[in-house]
Structure formats: C-alpha cells, structure tokens
Amino acid sequence: MLPFELNSLTKLYYSIGEVATLFSVNASLLRFWEKEFGLEVKKKNQKGNRLYSREEIKKLSVIYELVKVQGFTLDGAKQKLKRKEANNNVLSQDQIIDKLLRIRSKLLQLKISEKE
C-alpha cells in the first residue's frame, strides 16, 4: 500500500525532495532505484535537479510496492517487472484473431476495389 494516492498528484512535475516525502524515503534511495531499475528522469531544472512527472512517479510506486511493501529483493523486483512487461506485450488469442480478421477485411476490400 502506497503512503499516498496516485490520483492525488496535481502538479505536472515534482522535485526529488517532494517525491521522497511522498514515499517517506530518502532522495538517495530514489536515485539508487533509478540507477538499479534503469529509470530515466527526462526533465531537470536549470540547476540539474530531477523533476519527476506523474508517469515517472507511477513507475517508482511499482518499485516501492515490490521492494518496500511486498518485501522483494532488488533482483526479485527486477525479474517481476520484466515478467510484467513481457505479459503486457503479449496479445491474447482473441486480440490476435480480431486483428487478423480486420486485416483480412481490409485486404478483401482492396481486392474488390482493384477489380472495379
């Protein structure tokens, strides 16, 4: 369980200090997770300080949930995230059939329009 609600985030960007406070962790832990999990913070201010978007905070919340709440080791959390990504990239059989039917329909339309 997260110490805050993701839906309660209203700003576009949050400083590393604000994000650390949200998660009740040190800023150094967030930087460590970035390095360990390959997270890239895309925006920085003029001083070079990290500015986290809601999407980046959402990714950190998944890591927080796995490591701090569920007690996964870092390696275990990395493996779990890789499996989750792999599952998200796999289409269900129904989705594949639906896509193939749409492709078939378009091909038939093209064939008919060629004959005209």
N, C-alpha and C. Protein backbone atom coordinates (compact mmCIF):
# COMPACT_ATOMS: atom_id res chain seq x y z
N MET A 1 0.85 -1.18 0.00
CA MET A 1 0.00 0.00 0.00
C MET A 1 0.89 1.24 0.00
N LEU A 2 0.62 2.13 -0.92
CA LEU A 2 1.40 3.36 -1.02
C LEU A 2 1.02 4.32 0.10
N PRO A 3 1.98 5.12 0.55
CA PRO A 3 1.67 6.10 1.59
C PRO A 3 0.90 7.31 1.08
N PHE A 4 0.53 7.31 -0.20
CA PHE A 4 -0.23 8.42 -0.80
C PHE A 4 -1.06 7.86 -1.95
N GLU A 5 -2.00 8.65 -2.43
CA GLU A 5 -2.84 8.26 -3.56
C GLU A 5 -2.25 8.83 -4.85
N LEU A 6 -2.05 7.97 -5.84
CA LEU A 6 -1.53 8.43 -7.13
C LEU A 6 -2.47 9.46 -7.76
N ASN A 7 -3.76 9.29 -7.55
CA ASN A 7 -4.75 10.22 -8.12
C ASN A 7 -4.67 11.60 -7.49
N SER A 8 -4.02 11.70 -6.33
CA SER A 8 -3.95 13.00 -5.65
C SER A 8 -2.85 13.90 -6.21
N LEU A 9 -2.05 13.38 -7.14
CA LEU A 9 -0.97 14.18 -7.72
C LEU A 9 -1.57 15.19 -8.70
N THR A 10 -1.34 16.46 -8.42
CA THR A 10 -1.98 17.51 -9.23
C THR A 10 -0.99 18.29 -10.08
N LYS A 11 0.28 18.32 -9.67
CA LYS A 11 1.27 19.10 -10.41
C LYS A 11 1.81 18.29 -11.59
N LEU A 12 2.36 18.99 -12.57
CA LEU A 12 2.98 18.31 -13.70
C LEU A 12 4.30 17.67 -13.31
N TYR A 13 5.08 18.37 -12.49
CA TYR A 13 6.40 17.88 -12.09
C TYR A 13 6.61 18.07 -10.60
N TYR A 14 7.35 17.13 -10.01
CA TYR A 14 7.67 17.16 -8.60
C TYR A 14 9.18 17.06 -8.42
N SER A 15 9.72 17.80 -7.47
CA SER A 15 11.15 17.72 -7.18
C SER A 15 11.46 16.39 -6.51
N ILE A 16 12.75 16.04 -6.49
CA ILE A 16 13.14 14.78 -5.87
C ILE A 16 12.81 14.79 -4.38
N GLY A 17 12.91 15.96 -3.75
CA GLY A 17 12.55 16.07 -2.33
C GLY A 17 11.08 15.82 -2.09
N GLU A 18 10.24 16.36 -2.98
CA GLU A 18 8.79 16.14 -2.85
C GLU A 18 8.44 14.67 -3.03
N VAL A 19 9.08 14.04 -4.01
CA VAL A 19 8.79 12.62 -4.28
C VAL A 19 9.28 11.76 -3.12
N ALA A 20 10.46 12.09 -2.59
CA ALA A 20 10.98 11.36 -1.44
C ALA A 20 10.01 11.47 -0.26
N THR A 21 9.46 12.65 -0.06
CA THR A 21 8.49 12.86 1.02
C THR A 21 7.22 12.04 0.77
N LEU A 22 6.77 12.01 -0.48
CA LEU A 22 5.57 11.22 -0.81
C LEU A 22 5.75 9.75 -0.41
N PHE A 23 6.94 9.21 -0.71
CA PHE A 23 7.20 7.80 -0.44
C PHE A 23 7.78 7.56 0.96
N SER A 24 8.05 8.62 1.70
CA SER A 24 8.68 8.53 3.02
C SER A 24 10.01 7.80 2.95
N VAL A 25 10.83 8.16 1.95
CA VAL A 25 12.17 7.59 1.78
C VAL A 25 13.15 8.73 1.56
N ASN A 26 14.44 8.41 1.58
CA ASN A 26 15.47 9.41 1.28
C ASN A 26 15.58 9.62 -0.22
N ALA A 27 15.99 10.82 -0.61
CA ALA A 27 16.21 11.12 -2.02
C ALA A 27 17.28 10.21 -2.61
N SER A 28 18.25 9.84 -1.79
CA SER A 28 19.32 8.96 -2.27
C SER A 28 18.77 7.59 -2.68
N LEU A 29 17.73 7.12 -2.00
CA LEU A 29 17.11 5.84 -2.37
C LEU A 29 16.44 5.95 -3.73
N LEU A 30 15.81 7.08 -4.02
CA LEU A 30 15.19 7.27 -5.33
C LEU A 30 16.24 7.27 -6.43
N ARG A 31 17.36 7.95 -6.19
CA ARG A 31 18.45 7.96 -7.17
C ARG A 31 19.00 6.55 -7.37
N PHE A 32 19.11 5.80 -6.28
CA PHE A 32 19.60 4.42 -6.35
C PHE A 32 18.64 3.57 -7.18
N TRP A 33 17.34 3.69 -6.92
CA TRP A 33 16.35 2.92 -7.70
C TRP A 33 16.41 3.29 -9.17
N GLU A 34 16.59 4.57 -9.46
CA GLU A 34 16.72 4.99 -10.87
C GLU A 34 17.84 4.24 -11.56
N LYS A 35 18.99 4.18 -10.87
CA LYS A 35 20.15 3.52 -11.45
C LYS A 35 19.93 2.01 -11.55
N GLU A 36 19.43 1.40 -10.49
CA GLU A 36 19.23 -0.05 -10.45
C GLU A 36 18.18 -0.54 -11.44
N PHE A 37 17.11 0.22 -11.59
CA PHE A 37 16.00 -0.22 -12.43
C PHE A 37 15.99 0.45 -13.80
N GLY A 38 17.01 1.24 -14.08
CA GLY A 38 17.13 1.86 -15.40
C GLY A 38 16.07 2.91 -15.69
N LEU A 39 15.58 3.57 -14.66
CA LEU A 39 14.60 4.64 -14.86
C LEU A 39 15.32 5.89 -15.31
N GLU A 40 14.74 6.58 -16.25
CA GLU A 40 15.34 7.82 -16.73
C GLU A 40 14.39 8.97 -16.42
N VAL A 41 14.88 9.92 -15.63
CA VAL A 41 14.10 11.12 -15.36
C VAL A 41 14.40 12.08 -16.49
N LYS A 42 13.38 12.37 -17.27
CA LYS A 42 13.57 13.11 -18.53
C LYS A 42 13.75 14.61 -18.33
N LYS A 43 13.24 15.14 -17.24
CA LYS A 43 13.27 16.59 -17.08
C LYS A 43 14.10 16.97 -15.86
N LYS A 44 14.90 18.01 -16.05
CA LYS A 44 15.68 18.58 -14.94
C LYS A 44 15.56 20.10 -15.02
N ASN A 45 15.69 20.74 -13.87
CA ASN A 45 15.63 22.20 -13.87
C ASN A 45 16.99 22.78 -14.26
N GLN A 46 17.12 24.10 -14.21
CA GLN A 46 18.36 24.75 -14.64
C GLN A 46 19.56 24.35 -13.78
N LYS A 47 19.31 24.00 -12.54
CA LYS A 47 20.40 23.56 -11.65
C LYS A 47 20.77 22.09 -11.89
N GLY A 48 19.95 21.39 -12.66
CA GLY A 48 20.21 19.97 -12.91
C GLY A 48 19.49 19.04 -11.95
N ASN A 49 18.58 19.59 -11.13
CA ASN A 49 17.80 18.78 -10.20
C ASN A 49 16.70 18.03 -10.95
N ARG A 50 16.47 16.82 -10.53
CA ARG A 50 15.46 15.99 -11.17
C ARG A 50 14.06 16.55 -10.94
N LEU A 51 13.23 16.47 -11.98
CA LEU A 51 11.82 16.82 -11.89
C LEU A 51 11.03 15.62 -12.39
N TYR A 52 10.28 15.00 -11.50
CA TYR A 52 9.56 13.78 -11.81
C TYR A 52 8.16 14.07 -12.32
N SER A 53 7.79 13.43 -13.41
CA SER A 53 6.42 13.53 -13.93
C SER A 53 5.56 12.51 -13.18
N ARG A 54 4.27 12.61 -13.36
CA ARG A 54 3.36 11.64 -12.73
C ARG A 54 3.64 10.23 -13.22
N GLU A 55 3.98 10.10 -14.50
CA GLU A 55 4.28 8.77 -15.07
C GLU A 55 5.53 8.17 -14.40
N GLU A 56 6.53 8.99 -14.18
CA GLU A 56 7.75 8.52 -13.53
C GLU A 56 7.48 8.15 -12.06
N ILE A 57 6.62 8.92 -11.42
CA ILE A 57 6.24 8.61 -10.03
C ILE A 57 5.46 7.30 -10.00
N LYS A 58 4.65 7.07 -11.01
CA LYS A 58 3.89 5.82 -11.09
C LYS A 58 4.85 4.63 -11.19
N LYS A 59 5.91 4.76 -11.99
CA LYS A 59 6.90 3.69 -12.11
C LYS A 59 7.60 3.47 -10.77
N LEU A 60 7.95 4.56 -10.09
CA LEU A 60 8.57 4.43 -8.78
C LEU A 60 7.63 3.78 -7.78
N SER A 61 6.34 4.04 -7.92
CA SER A 61 5.38 3.44 -6.98
C SER A 61 5.32 1.93 -7.14
N VAL A 62 5.50 1.43 -8.37
CA VAL A 62 5.54 -0.01 -8.59
C VAL A 62 6.76 -0.60 -7.90
N ILE A 63 7.90 0.05 -8.05
CA ILE A 63 9.12 -0.41 -7.39
C ILE A 63 8.96 -0.36 -5.88
N TYR A 64 8.39 0.74 -5.37
CA TYR A 64 8.15 0.88 -3.94
C TYR A 64 7.28 -0.27 -3.44
N GLU A 65 6.21 -0.54 -4.15
CA GLU A 65 5.28 -1.61 -3.76
C GLU A 65 6.00 -2.95 -3.68
N LEU A 66 6.81 -3.25 -4.70
CA LEU A 66 7.50 -4.54 -4.73
C LEU A 66 8.55 -4.65 -3.63
N VAL A 67 9.37 -3.60 -3.47
CA VAL A 67 10.51 -3.68 -2.56
C VAL A 67 10.10 -3.41 -1.10
N LYS A 68 9.39 -2.33 -0.87
CA LYS A 68 9.10 -1.91 0.50
C LYS A 68 7.87 -2.60 1.09
N VAL A 69 6.84 -2.83 0.27
CA VAL A 69 5.60 -3.39 0.80
C VAL A 69 5.61 -4.92 0.73
N GLN A 70 5.93 -5.45 -0.46
CA GLN A 70 5.88 -6.90 -0.63
C GLN A 70 7.18 -7.59 -0.22
N GLY A 71 8.25 -6.83 -0.01
CA GLY A 71 9.49 -7.40 0.51
C GLY A 71 10.36 -8.11 -0.51
N PHE A 72 10.20 -7.80 -1.80
CA PHE A 72 11.04 -8.38 -2.83
C PHE A 72 12.47 -7.87 -2.67
N THR A 73 13.44 -8.71 -3.03
CA THR A 73 14.81 -8.23 -3.16
C THR A 73 14.87 -7.40 -4.43
N LEU A 74 15.96 -6.66 -4.63
CA LEU A 74 16.08 -5.86 -5.85
C LEU A 74 16.07 -6.76 -7.08
N ASP A 75 16.80 -7.87 -7.02
CA ASP A 75 16.80 -8.80 -8.16
C ASP A 75 15.42 -9.39 -8.40
N GLY A 76 14.73 -9.74 -7.33
CA GLY A 76 13.38 -10.28 -7.45
C GLY A 76 12.42 -9.28 -8.06
N ALA A 77 12.54 -8.02 -7.63
CA ALA A 77 11.68 -6.96 -8.17
C ALA A 77 11.97 -6.74 -9.65
N LYS A 78 13.26 -6.78 -10.03
CA LYS A 78 13.62 -6.62 -11.45
C LYS A 78 13.02 -7.72 -12.29
N GLN A 79 13.10 -8.96 -11.80
CA GLN A 79 12.53 -10.10 -12.53
C GLN A 79 11.01 -9.97 -12.65
N LYS A 80 10.38 -9.57 -11.57
CA LYS A 80 8.92 -9.39 -11.58
C LYS A 80 8.52 -8.32 -12.61
N LEU A 81 9.27 -7.21 -12.65
CA LEU A 81 8.97 -6.14 -13.60
C LEU A 81 9.17 -6.62 -15.04
N LYS A 82 10.22 -7.41 -15.28
CA LYS A 82 10.45 -7.94 -16.62
C LYS A 82 9.32 -8.86 -17.06
N ARG A 83 8.87 -9.72 -16.13
CA ARG A 83 7.74 -10.62 -16.46
C ARG A 83 6.48 -9.81 -16.74
N LYS A 84 6.26 -8.76 -15.95
CA LYS A 84 5.07 -7.92 -16.14
C LYS A 84 5.12 -7.24 -17.50
N GLU A 85 6.29 -6.72 -17.88
CA GLU A 85 6.44 -6.09 -19.20
C GLU A 85 6.20 -7.10 -20.31
N ALA A 86 6.73 -8.30 -20.15
CA ALA A 86 6.55 -9.34 -21.17
C ALA A 86 5.08 -9.69 -21.31
N ASN A 87 4.37 -9.79 -20.19
CA ASN A 87 2.94 -10.11 -20.23
C ASN A 87 2.14 -8.99 -20.87
N ASN A 88 2.55 -7.74 -20.64
CA ASN A 88 1.85 -6.60 -21.24
C ASN A 88 2.05 -6.56 -22.75
N ASN A 89 3.17 -7.08 -23.22
CA ASN A 89 3.47 -7.06 -24.65
C ASN A 89 2.83 -8.22 -25.40
N VAL A 90 2.35 -9.22 -24.69
CA VAL A 90 1.76 -10.39 -25.32
C VAL A 90 0.28 -10.14 -25.55
N LEU A 91 -0.16 -10.34 -26.78
CA LEU A 91 -1.58 -10.19 -27.09
C LEU A 91 -2.31 -11.48 -26.77
N SER A 92 -3.54 -11.37 -26.34
CA SER A 92 -4.34 -12.57 -26.09
C SER A 92 -4.75 -13.17 -27.43
N GLN A 93 -5.15 -14.40 -27.39
CA GLN A 93 -5.56 -15.10 -28.62
C GLN A 93 -6.73 -14.38 -29.28
N ASP A 94 -7.67 -13.89 -28.48
CA ASP A 94 -8.82 -13.16 -29.02
C ASP A 94 -8.38 -11.87 -29.71
N GLN A 95 -7.39 -11.17 -29.14
CA GLN A 95 -6.90 -9.94 -29.74
C GLN A 95 -6.22 -10.24 -31.08
N ILE A 96 -5.46 -11.32 -31.13
CA ILE A 96 -4.78 -11.70 -32.37
C ILE A 96 -5.80 -12.04 -33.45
N ILE A 97 -6.81 -12.82 -33.09
CA ILE A 97 -7.84 -13.20 -34.05
C ILE A 97 -8.57 -11.96 -34.56
N ASP A 98 -8.89 -11.05 -33.64
CA ASP A 98 -9.57 -9.82 -34.03
C ASP A 98 -8.73 -9.00 -35.01
N LYS A 99 -7.43 -8.88 -34.72
CA LYS A 99 -6.55 -8.14 -35.63
C LYS A 99 -6.48 -8.81 -36.99
N LEU A 100 -6.35 -10.13 -37.01
CA LEU A 100 -6.27 -10.85 -38.27
C LEU A 100 -7.55 -10.70 -39.09
N LEU A 101 -8.70 -10.73 -38.43
CA LEU A 101 -9.97 -10.54 -39.13
C LEU A 101 -10.07 -9.14 -39.74
N ARG A 102 -9.59 -8.13 -39.01
CA ARG A 102 -9.61 -6.77 -39.55
C ARG A 102 -8.68 -6.65 -40.75
N ILE A 103 -7.52 -7.28 -40.68
CA ILE A 103 -6.58 -7.26 -41.80
C ILE A 103 -7.18 -7.95 -43.01
N ARG A 104 -7.81 -9.10 -42.77
CA ARG A 104 -8.45 -9.85 -43.85
C ARG A 104 -9.53 -9.01 -44.52
N SER A 105 -10.32 -8.33 -43.71
CA SER A 105 -11.39 -7.49 -44.24
C SER A 105 -10.82 -6.37 -45.12
N LYS A 106 -9.76 -5.75 -44.66
CA LYS A 106 -9.14 -4.68 -45.45
C LYS A 106 -8.55 -5.21 -46.75
N LEU A 107 -7.94 -6.38 -46.68
CA LEU A 107 -7.38 -6.99 -47.89
C LEU A 107 -8.48 -7.32 -48.91
N LEU A 108 -9.61 -7.84 -48.40
CA LEU A 108 -10.73 -8.13 -49.30
C LEU A 108 -11.27 -6.85 -49.94
N GLN A 109 -11.34 -5.78 -49.17
CA GLN A 109 -11.80 -4.50 -49.71
C GLN A 109 -10.86 -4.01 -50.81
N LEU A 110 -9.57 -4.16 -50.59
CA LEU A 110 -8.59 -3.76 -51.59
C LEU A 110 -8.73 -4.60 -52.87
N LYS A 111 -8.95 -5.89 -52.68
CA LYS A 111 -9.10 -6.79 -53.83
C LYS A 111 -10.33 -6.42 -54.64
N ILE A 112 -11.41 -6.11 -53.96
CA ILE A 112 -12.65 -5.73 -54.64
C ILE A 112 -12.46 -4.40 -55.39
N SER A 113 -11.80 -3.44 -54.75
CA SER A 113 -11.62 -2.14 -55.40
C SER A 113 -10.67 -2.24 -56.60
N GLU A 114 -9.75 -3.22 -56.60
CA GLU A 114 -8.86 -3.43 -57.76
C GLU A 114 -9.64 -3.93 -58.97
N LYS A 115 -10.64 -4.77 -58.73
CA LYS A 115 -11.43 -5.36 -59.83
C LYS A 115 -12.32 -4.31 -60.47
N GLU A 116 -12.66 -3.29 -59.77
CA GLU A 116 -13.59 -2.27 -60.31
C GLU A 116 -12.95 -1.36 -61.26
